Amino acid sequence: MTPLHTPQIPVVVLAGFLGSGKTTLLNHLLRNRAGNRIGVVVNDFGAIEIDAMTVAGQVGSTVSLGNGCLCCAVDASELDDYLATLTRPAGRLDVIVIEASGLAEPRELVRMLLASDNPRVRYGGLVEVVDAAEFLGTRERHPEIDRHLAVADLVVLNKTDRVSGAALDAVREAVAATGGGAAVVSAVHGRIDPGLLFDPVLRPEEDDTVRQLTFEDLLRDADGDTDLGADGHTHAGHAHTAYESVSFTSDAPMDPRRLMAFLDSRPPGLYRIKGFTDFGAGDPDHTYVLHAVGGFLRFEPRPWARDEARRTQLVLIGSGIDTDALHRELAACRVPLGPGRAGPAGTRVRPDLPDVPQARRDADDELERAMWGVLRHVRRPDED
């Protein structure tokens, strides 16, 4: 059995029909890794532009195909075996990206990831890449694209420089009509901000200053870009696809029932949530690491460190989101601070209740029931 605190590597599925720009987007991520070591699993070797993928320092670890590209050419049946290889501690990977074949069924890959027995991986999201210029034709040839869009967590409308504003609006409306509620971003040459998909990593060997990764580092945007396009020219003049983020910090514990109601009704466009949650008396011994991508949600309880500040710190990332409204909704999830609310860590101070043993027992029972909604998103030891 693997301990609950085993580090988990996010696995991102990159899908889209042939010609949508998946490989271009993947190459962009590999060149703008924000310090991450990335493992790549290629579901369809024949669709990869091997010459476009430079080797040195781009892919963290996998098997060599003998052509200079460090990647795994696999079919779906081999996926779990390769993930086991990639997630070995010796690999020291931070992120794994699966580039699905142009005709792959994304829902099946997602199902395989969610059903994986590997305790070292967690779902990192399904990114569906769409050629905005050829969308109508692709939809006519492959009507199943609507099904793919409906299950996507993030939709990248690529090649938007080749369509008019009205045509792009029409594509956006068609994507929204699939009912998936995914965040939608526009891109040229597959250039999305890597911060949408994974967090920056600071490594001692890559920086003169040796220090622990802080919460502020999670908010840092990746800067600098030397991405080369198919024409061999740099596209450094193009801005990364923008996204909005909300940073929320609370010294008051979060009410588990209110927070779960918020997480269960996330607005369209909100792609990713990460951070640490304090449920106060709900579990005074643990902080809960929160990972949410699209409709996927997982909590990982971790014991409080000695002298660690008891607070909630969350970052919400998306496109087209109302940042002020999200902040207000999160603030409404806090347990109200009343007179005498502060007390020793782990004490159950409820100033709003009469000092009657039965009333306090009822309150404790209600709090325990409220935590059930959180605990159902915690990986159980028997799932490892």
Protein backbone atom coordinates (compact mmCIF):
# COMPACT_ATOMS: atom_id res chain seq x y z
CA MET A 1 0.00 0.00 0.00
CA THR A 2 1.30 3.45 -0.93
CA PRO A 3 0.98 6.24 1.67
CA LEU A 4 -1.58 8.95 0.97
CA HIS A 5 1.15 11.58 0.84
CA THR A 6 2.89 9.92 -2.11
CA PRO A 7 3.62 12.73 -4.61
CA GLN A 8 1.29 12.52 -7.58
CA ILE A 9 2.17 13.57 -11.11
CA PRO A 10 -0.55 15.27 -13.17
CA VAL A 11 -1.26 13.54 -16.48
CA VAL A 12 -2.63 15.87 -19.16
CA VAL A 13 -4.37 14.41 -22.22
CA LEU A 14 -3.81 16.46 -25.39
CA ALA A 15 -6.40 15.57 -28.04
CA GLY A 16 -7.70 16.91 -31.33
CA PHE A 17 -8.21 15.85 -34.91
CA LEU A 18 -5.33 15.61 -37.39
CA GLY A 19 -4.04 19.02 -38.37
CA SER A 20 -5.52 20.84 -35.37
CA GLY A 21 -2.06 21.73 -34.05
CA LYS A 22 -1.58 19.28 -31.17
CA THR A 23 2.08 18.70 -31.94
CA THR A 24 2.73 22.43 -32.30
CA LEU A 25 1.13 23.04 -28.93
CA LEU A 26 3.11 20.18 -27.37
CA ASN A 27 6.37 21.54 -28.74
CA HIS A 28 5.49 24.94 -27.33
CA LEU A 29 4.93 23.42 -23.88
CA LEU A 30 8.22 21.53 -24.07
CA ARG A 31 10.09 24.71 -24.90
CA ASN A 32 8.33 26.69 -22.18
CA ARG A 33 8.34 24.18 -19.35
CA ALA A 34 8.57 26.68 -16.47
CA GLY A 35 11.21 24.44 -14.89
CA ASN A 36 9.15 21.25 -15.16
CA ARG A 37 10.49 17.89 -16.26
CA ILE A 38 7.90 16.62 -18.73
CA GLY A 39 7.33 13.04 -19.82
CA VAL A 40 5.55 12.57 -23.14
CA VAL A 41 3.42 9.63 -24.20
CA VAL A 42 2.60 9.60 -27.91
CA ASN A 43 -0.50 7.60 -28.79
CA ASP A 44 0.08 7.79 -32.55
CA PHE A 45 3.72 7.88 -33.55
CA GLY A 46 2.94 8.40 -37.19
CA ALA A 47 1.19 11.70 -36.53
CA ILE A 48 4.18 13.26 -34.78
CA GLU A 49 6.42 15.70 -36.58
CA ILE A 50 9.62 14.24 -35.15
CA ASP A 51 11.84 16.84 -36.78
CA ALA A 52 9.92 19.58 -34.97
CA MET A 53 10.73 18.13 -31.56
CA THR A 54 14.16 19.06 -30.28
CA VAL A 55 15.61 16.81 -27.66
CA ALA A 56 18.01 18.41 -25.24
CA GLY A 57 16.30 19.37 -22.04
CA GLN A 58 12.77 19.27 -23.41
CA VAL A 59 11.36 15.90 -22.41
CA GLY A 60 12.10 14.80 -18.88
CA SER A 61 12.19 11.03 -19.22
CA THR A 62 10.81 8.19 -21.29
CA VAL A 63 12.22 5.67 -23.73
CA SER A 64 14.37 6.57 -26.68
CA LEU A 65 13.02 5.66 -30.09
CA GLY A 66 16.49 5.94 -31.58
CA ASN A 67 15.65 9.03 -33.60
CA GLY A 68 16.47 11.63 -30.99
CA CYS A 69 12.90 12.00 -29.75
CA LEU A 70 12.45 10.89 -26.17
CA CYS A 71 8.88 9.70 -26.11
CA CYS A 72 6.75 6.61 -25.82
CA ALA A 73 4.90 5.38 -28.91
CA VAL A 74 2.07 3.38 -27.42
CA ASP A 75 -1.45 2.19 -27.95
CA ALA A 76 -4.09 2.40 -25.25
CA SER A 77 -3.48 -1.12 -23.93
CA GLU A 78 0.11 -0.21 -23.06
CA LEU A 79 -0.74 3.08 -21.37
CA ASP A 80 -0.81 1.89 -17.76
CA ASP A 81 2.49 0.03 -18.15
CA TYR A 82 4.22 3.10 -19.54
CA LEU A 83 2.78 5.33 -16.84
CA ALA A 84 4.24 2.94 -14.26
CA THR A 85 7.63 3.36 -15.91
CA LEU A 86 7.41 7.13 -16.19
CA THR A 87 6.29 7.67 -12.60
CA ARG A 88 9.16 5.84 -10.96
CA PRO A 89 10.84 8.19 -8.44
CA ALA A 90 14.11 7.92 -10.36
CA GLY A 91 12.41 9.63 -13.32
CA ARG A 92 11.86 12.82 -11.27
CA LEU A 93 9.06 13.93 -13.59
CA ASP A 94 6.72 16.78 -12.72
CA VAL A 95 4.17 16.45 -15.53
CA ILE A 96 3.18 13.81 -18.08
CA VAL A 97 1.51 14.77 -21.36
CA ILE A 98 -0.31 12.18 -23.49
CA GLU A 99 -0.68 13.27 -27.09
CA ALA A 100 -3.60 11.25 -28.40
CA SER A 101 -3.87 10.23 -32.04
CA GLY A 102 -6.00 12.37 -34.31
CA LEU A 103 -8.75 9.75 -34.31
CA ALA A 104 -8.46 8.67 -30.67
CA GLU A 105 -11.50 8.63 -28.40
CA PRO A 106 -10.59 11.10 -25.61
CA ARG A 107 -13.31 9.81 -23.28
CA GLU A 108 -11.65 6.38 -23.28
CA LEU A 109 -8.23 7.80 -22.41
CA VAL A 110 -9.74 9.82 -19.58
CA ARG A 111 -11.56 6.75 -18.32
CA MET A 112 -8.32 4.78 -18.31
CA LEU A 113 -6.55 7.49 -16.34
CA LEU A 114 -9.30 7.80 -13.75
CA ALA A 115 -9.39 4.01 -13.38
CA SER A 116 -5.62 3.66 -13.17
CA ASP A 117 -4.24 1.71 -10.22
CA ASN A 118 -1.10 3.82 -10.25
CA PRO A 119 -1.08 5.89 -7.02
CA ARG A 120 1.57 8.22 -8.41
CA VAL A 121 -0.64 9.79 -11.08
CA ARG A 122 -3.61 12.09 -10.96
CA TYR A 123 -5.81 13.39 -13.72
CA GLY A 124 -4.46 16.65 -15.12
CA GLY A 125 -7.21 17.48 -17.58
CA LEU A 126 -8.35 16.83 -21.15
CA VAL A 127 -7.24 19.55 -23.56
CA GLU A 128 -9.02 19.45 -26.94
CA VAL A 129 -7.26 21.38 -29.71
CA VAL A 130 -9.49 22.71 -32.51
CA ASP A 131 -8.42 24.17 -35.84
CA ALA A 132 -10.58 27.29 -35.84
CA ALA A 133 -10.06 27.81 -39.57
CA GLU A 134 -11.19 24.30 -40.51
CA PHE A 135 -13.72 23.70 -37.75
CA LEU A 136 -16.84 23.56 -39.90
CA GLY A 137 -15.25 21.17 -42.37
CA THR A 138 -13.87 18.97 -39.60
CA ARG A 139 -17.27 18.89 -37.93
CA GLU A 140 -18.87 17.77 -41.17
CA ARG A 141 -16.35 14.98 -41.69
CA HIS A 142 -16.19 14.01 -38.02
CA PRO A 143 -19.49 14.78 -36.25
CA GLU A 144 -18.08 13.01 -33.18
CA ILE A 145 -16.09 16.17 -32.51
CA ASP A 146 -19.13 17.44 -30.60
CA ARG A 147 -18.81 14.48 -28.26
CA HIS A 148 -15.11 15.20 -27.78
CA LEU A 149 -15.77 18.85 -27.00
CA ALA A 150 -18.48 17.94 -24.51
CA VAL A 151 -16.03 15.99 -22.33
CA ALA A 152 -13.09 18.40 -22.65
CA ASP A 153 -11.87 20.39 -19.67
CA LEU A 154 -10.08 22.99 -21.80
CA VAL A 155 -10.69 23.82 -25.46
CA VAL A 156 -7.91 25.53 -27.40
CA LEU A 157 -9.12 27.29 -30.55
CA ASN A 158 -5.91 27.20 -32.55
CA LYS A 159 -4.95 29.08 -35.75
CA THR A 160 -7.24 31.98 -34.88
CA ASP A 161 -5.05 34.27 -37.00
CA ARG A 162 -6.58 32.59 -40.04
CA VAL A 163 -10.22 33.42 -39.31
CA SER A 164 -12.26 36.60 -39.07
CA GLY A 165 -13.77 37.83 -35.85
CA ALA A 166 -17.26 36.77 -36.93
CA ALA A 167 -16.06 33.28 -37.88
CA LEU A 168 -14.29 32.89 -34.55
CA ASP A 169 -17.44 33.93 -32.71
CA ALA A 170 -19.36 31.28 -34.65
CA VAL A 171 -16.84 28.61 -33.62
CA ARG A 172 -17.09 29.70 -29.99
CA GLU A 173 -20.87 29.47 -30.13
CA ALA A 174 -20.68 25.99 -31.64
CA VAL A 175 -18.28 24.84 -28.91
CA ALA A 176 -20.53 26.29 -26.20
CA ALA A 177 -23.53 24.53 -27.75
CA THR A 178 -21.96 21.14 -26.99
CA GLY A 179 -22.83 21.82 -23.36
CA GLY A 180 -19.47 20.84 -21.91
CA GLY A 181 -18.87 24.11 -20.09
CA ALA A 182 -15.11 23.87 -20.73
CA ALA A 183 -12.83 26.88 -20.55
CA VAL A 184 -12.12 28.11 -24.08
CA VAL A 185 -8.94 29.96 -25.08
CA SER A 186 -7.74 31.21 -28.45
CA ALA A 187 -4.22 30.59 -29.72
CA VAL A 188 -1.89 31.16 -32.65
CA HIS A 189 0.79 28.52 -33.34
CA GLY A 190 -0.49 26.58 -30.32
CA ARG A 191 0.86 29.20 -27.96
CA ILE A 192 -1.06 28.95 -24.72
CA ASP A 193 0.36 29.96 -21.39
CA PRO A 194 1.84 26.82 -19.73
CA GLY A 195 0.44 28.11 -16.44
CA LEU A 196 -2.97 26.97 -17.60
CA LEU A 197 -1.83 23.35 -17.44
CA PHE A 198 0.89 23.11 -14.82
CA ASP A 199 2.68 25.10 -12.15
CA PRO A 200 6.22 26.48 -12.46
CA VAL A 201 8.93 24.57 -10.63
CA LEU A 202 12.08 26.07 -9.15
CA ARG A 203 14.97 23.63 -8.89
CA PRO A 204 18.17 24.27 -6.93
CA GLU A 205 20.32 23.09 -9.84
CA GLU A 206 18.58 25.54 -12.16
CA ASP A 207 18.76 28.59 -9.93
CA ASP A 208 21.54 30.23 -7.97
CA THR A 209 19.33 30.66 -4.93
CA VAL A 210 18.36 27.45 -3.17
CA ARG A 211 14.98 27.86 -1.54
CA GLN A 212 11.69 26.09 -0.98
CA LEU A 213 8.92 26.55 -3.54
CA THR A 214 6.51 29.06 -2.03
CA PHE A 215 2.85 29.81 -2.60
CA GLU A 216 3.88 32.96 -4.44
CA ASP A 217 5.88 30.83 -6.87
CA LEU A 218 2.64 29.12 -7.85
CA LEU A 219 1.34 32.48 -9.04
CA ARG A 220 4.43 33.38 -11.03
CA ASP A 221 3.95 33.54 -14.79
CA ALA A 222 6.47 31.80 -16.99
CA ASP A 223 8.51 34.49 -18.72
CA GLY A 224 10.74 34.42 -21.76
CA ASP A 225 10.04 32.50 -24.93
CA THR A 226 12.18 31.36 -27.83
CA ASP A 227 9.55 29.20 -29.53
CA LEU A 228 10.21 28.53 -33.19
CA GLY A 229 7.44 28.20 -35.71
CA ALA A 230 7.32 25.93 -38.73
CA ASP A 231 8.96 28.68 -40.76
CA GLY A 232 12.00 28.61 -38.48
CA HIS A 233 11.34 32.11 -37.18
CA THR A 234 10.84 33.01 -33.57
CA HIS A 235 7.34 33.89 -32.46
CA ALA A 236 8.52 35.75 -29.39
CA GLY A 237 6.52 38.78 -30.53
CA HIS A 238 3.25 36.94 -30.04
CA ALA A 239 1.75 37.18 -26.58
CA HIS A 240 0.82 34.01 -24.76
CA THR A 241 -2.87 33.27 -24.64
CA ALA A 242 -4.13 35.18 -21.64
CA TYR A 243 -6.00 33.67 -18.75
CA GLU A 244 -7.45 35.02 -15.53
CA SER A 245 -6.53 33.85 -12.07
CA VAL A 246 -7.98 34.44 -8.63
CA SER A 247 -5.84 34.24 -5.52
CA PHE A 248 -7.79 33.59 -2.34
CA THR A 249 -6.40 33.45 1.20
CA SER A 250 -8.38 33.05 4.40
CA ASP A 251 -7.25 32.80 8.03
CA ALA A 252 -10.76 31.66 8.92
CA PRO A 253 -11.49 27.96 8.31
CA MET A 254 -13.65 26.98 5.37
CA ASP A 255 -17.09 25.54 5.93
CA PRO A 256 -16.96 22.10 4.23
CA ARG A 257 -20.57 22.11 3.11
CA ARG A 258 -20.40 25.61 1.64
CA LEU A 259 -17.09 24.94 -0.10
CA MET A 260 -18.35 21.69 -1.61
CA ALA A 261 -21.44 23.49 -2.89
CA PHE A 262 -19.12 26.00 -4.57
CA LEU A 263 -16.91 23.27 -6.06
CA ASP A 264 -19.92 21.30 -7.32
CA SER A 265 -21.30 24.32 -9.17
CA ARG A 266 -18.17 25.80 -10.75
CA PRO A 267 -18.97 28.33 -13.49
CA PRO A 268 -18.09 27.74 -17.15
CA GLY A 269 -14.58 28.84 -18.01
CA LEU A 270 -13.06 27.87 -14.66
CA TYR A 271 -10.45 25.30 -15.67
CA ARG A 272 -8.19 24.61 -12.69
CA ILE A 273 -8.14 25.08 -8.90
CA LYS A 274 -5.14 24.34 -6.71
CA GLY A 275 -4.06 25.06 -3.17
CA PHE A 276 -4.51 24.18 0.48
CA THR A 277 -7.71 24.16 2.53
CA ASP A 278 -8.21 24.51 6.29
CA PHE A 279 -11.46 22.96 7.49
CA GLY A 280 -10.83 23.98 11.09
CA ALA A 281 -12.72 21.79 13.54
CA GLY A 282 -13.80 19.55 10.65
CA ASP A 283 -10.31 18.04 10.74
CA PRO A 284 -8.01 19.98 13.08
CA ASP A 285 -5.03 17.71 12.39
CA HIS A 286 -4.82 18.13 8.62
CA THR A 287 -4.67 20.66 5.83
CA TYR A 288 -6.28 19.45 2.60
CA VAL A 289 -4.38 19.82 -0.67
CA LEU A 290 -6.96 20.58 -3.36
CA HIS A 291 -6.63 19.64 -7.05
CA ALA A 292 -9.48 20.38 -9.45
CA VAL A 293 -9.38 20.21 -13.25
CA GLY A 294 -12.61 20.61 -15.19
CA GLY A 295 -15.09 18.33 -13.46
CA PHE A 296 -12.40 16.32 -11.64
CA LEU A 297 -11.82 17.01 -7.95
CA ARG A 298 -9.47 15.48 -5.41
CA PHE A 299 -8.49 16.33 -1.84
CA GLU A 300 -5.30 15.02 -0.23
CA PRO A 301 -5.15 15.38 3.57
CA ARG A 302 -1.69 16.25 4.92
CA PRO A 303 -0.71 16.72 8.58
CA TRP A 304 -0.07 20.30 9.57
CA ALA A 305 3.63 21.06 9.85
CA ARG A 306 4.92 22.34 13.16
CA ASP A 307 4.33 26.11 13.42
CA GLU A 308 2.54 26.12 10.04
CA ALA A 309 -0.04 28.90 9.77
CA ARG A 310 -3.58 27.53 9.76
CA ARG A 311 -5.05 29.12 6.66
CA THR A 312 -6.62 28.41 3.27
CA GLN A 313 -4.70 29.38 0.13
CA LEU A 314 -6.29 28.76 -3.27
CA VAL A 315 -5.58 29.76 -6.86
CA LEU A 316 -8.34 29.53 -9.49
CA ILE A 317 -7.40 29.63 -13.19
CA GLY A 318 -9.67 30.01 -16.18
CA SER A 319 -10.70 32.03 -19.18
CA GLY A 320 -13.62 34.43 -19.31
CA ILE A 321 -14.30 34.09 -15.58
CA ASP A 322 -15.66 36.78 -13.26
CA THR A 323 -12.77 37.08 -10.83
CA ASP A 324 -14.58 39.38 -8.40
CA ALA A 325 -17.61 37.10 -8.24
CA LEU A 326 -15.43 34.04 -7.60
CA HIS A 327 -13.65 35.81 -4.77
CA ARG A 328 -16.98 36.78 -3.20
CA GLU A 329 -18.29 33.22 -3.50
CA LEU A 330 -15.18 31.82 -1.82
CA ALA A 331 -15.35 34.40 0.94
CA ALA A 332 -18.93 33.27 1.60
CA CYS A 333 -17.61 29.73 2.21
CA ARG A 334 -15.69 30.77 5.33
CA VAL A 335 -16.76 29.87 8.85
CA PRO A 336 -17.81 33.19 10.42
CA LEU A 337 -15.44 34.53 13.05
CA GLY A 338 -17.31 35.55 16.17
CA PRO A 339 -16.34 36.73 19.65
CA GLY A 340 -14.13 34.15 21.22
CA ARG A 341 -13.79 32.25 17.92
CA ALA A 342 -10.02 32.08 18.07
CA GLY A 343 -8.64 29.36 20.27
CA PRO A 344 -5.91 26.76 20.48
CA ALA A 345 -5.37 24.84 17.26
CA GLY A 346 -7.90 22.04 17.01
CA THR A 347 -10.35 23.31 19.63
CA ARG A 348 -14.03 23.43 18.77
CA VAL A 349 -15.03 26.95 19.67
CA ARG A 350 -18.61 27.71 18.58
CA PRO A 351 -19.66 31.08 20.08
CA ASP A 352 -22.95 30.96 18.20
CA LEU A 353 -24.18 27.94 20.19
CA PRO A 354 -25.48 27.81 23.76
CA ASP A 355 -23.13 26.21 26.24
CA VAL A 356 -25.20 23.03 26.33
CA PRO A 357 -23.51 19.64 25.85
CA GLN A 358 -26.28 18.28 23.61
CA ALA A 359 -26.18 21.34 21.34
CA ARG A 360 -22.44 20.97 20.95
CA ARG A 361 -22.72 17.26 20.24
CA ASP A 362 -25.32 17.98 17.57
CA ALA A 363 -23.05 20.62 16.06
CA ASP A 364 -20.13 18.19 16.01
CA ASP A 365 -22.28 15.55 14.35
CA GLU A 366 -23.41 18.05 11.72
CA LEU A 367 -19.79 19.07 11.07
CA GLU A 368 -18.80 15.42 10.66
CA ARG A 369 -21.59 14.88 8.14
CA ALA A 370 -20.49 18.01 6.27
CA MET A 371 -16.96 16.58 5.97
CA TRP A 372 -18.32 13.49 4.22
CA GLY A 373 -18.67 15.56 1.05
CA VAL A 374 -14.96 16.32 1.23
CA LEU A 375 -13.82 12.82 2.16
CA ARG A 376 -15.55 11.21 -0.82
CA HIS A 377 -12.96 13.00 -2.97
CA VAL A 378 -10.00 11.63 -1.00
CA ARG A 379 -8.14 8.65 -2.45
CA ARG A 380 -8.68 5.69 -0.11
CA PRO A 381 -5.76 3.41 0.81
CA ASP A 382 -7.56 0.45 -0.75
CA GLU A 383 -7.57 2.30 -4.11
CA ASP A 384 -3.77 2.06 -4.32
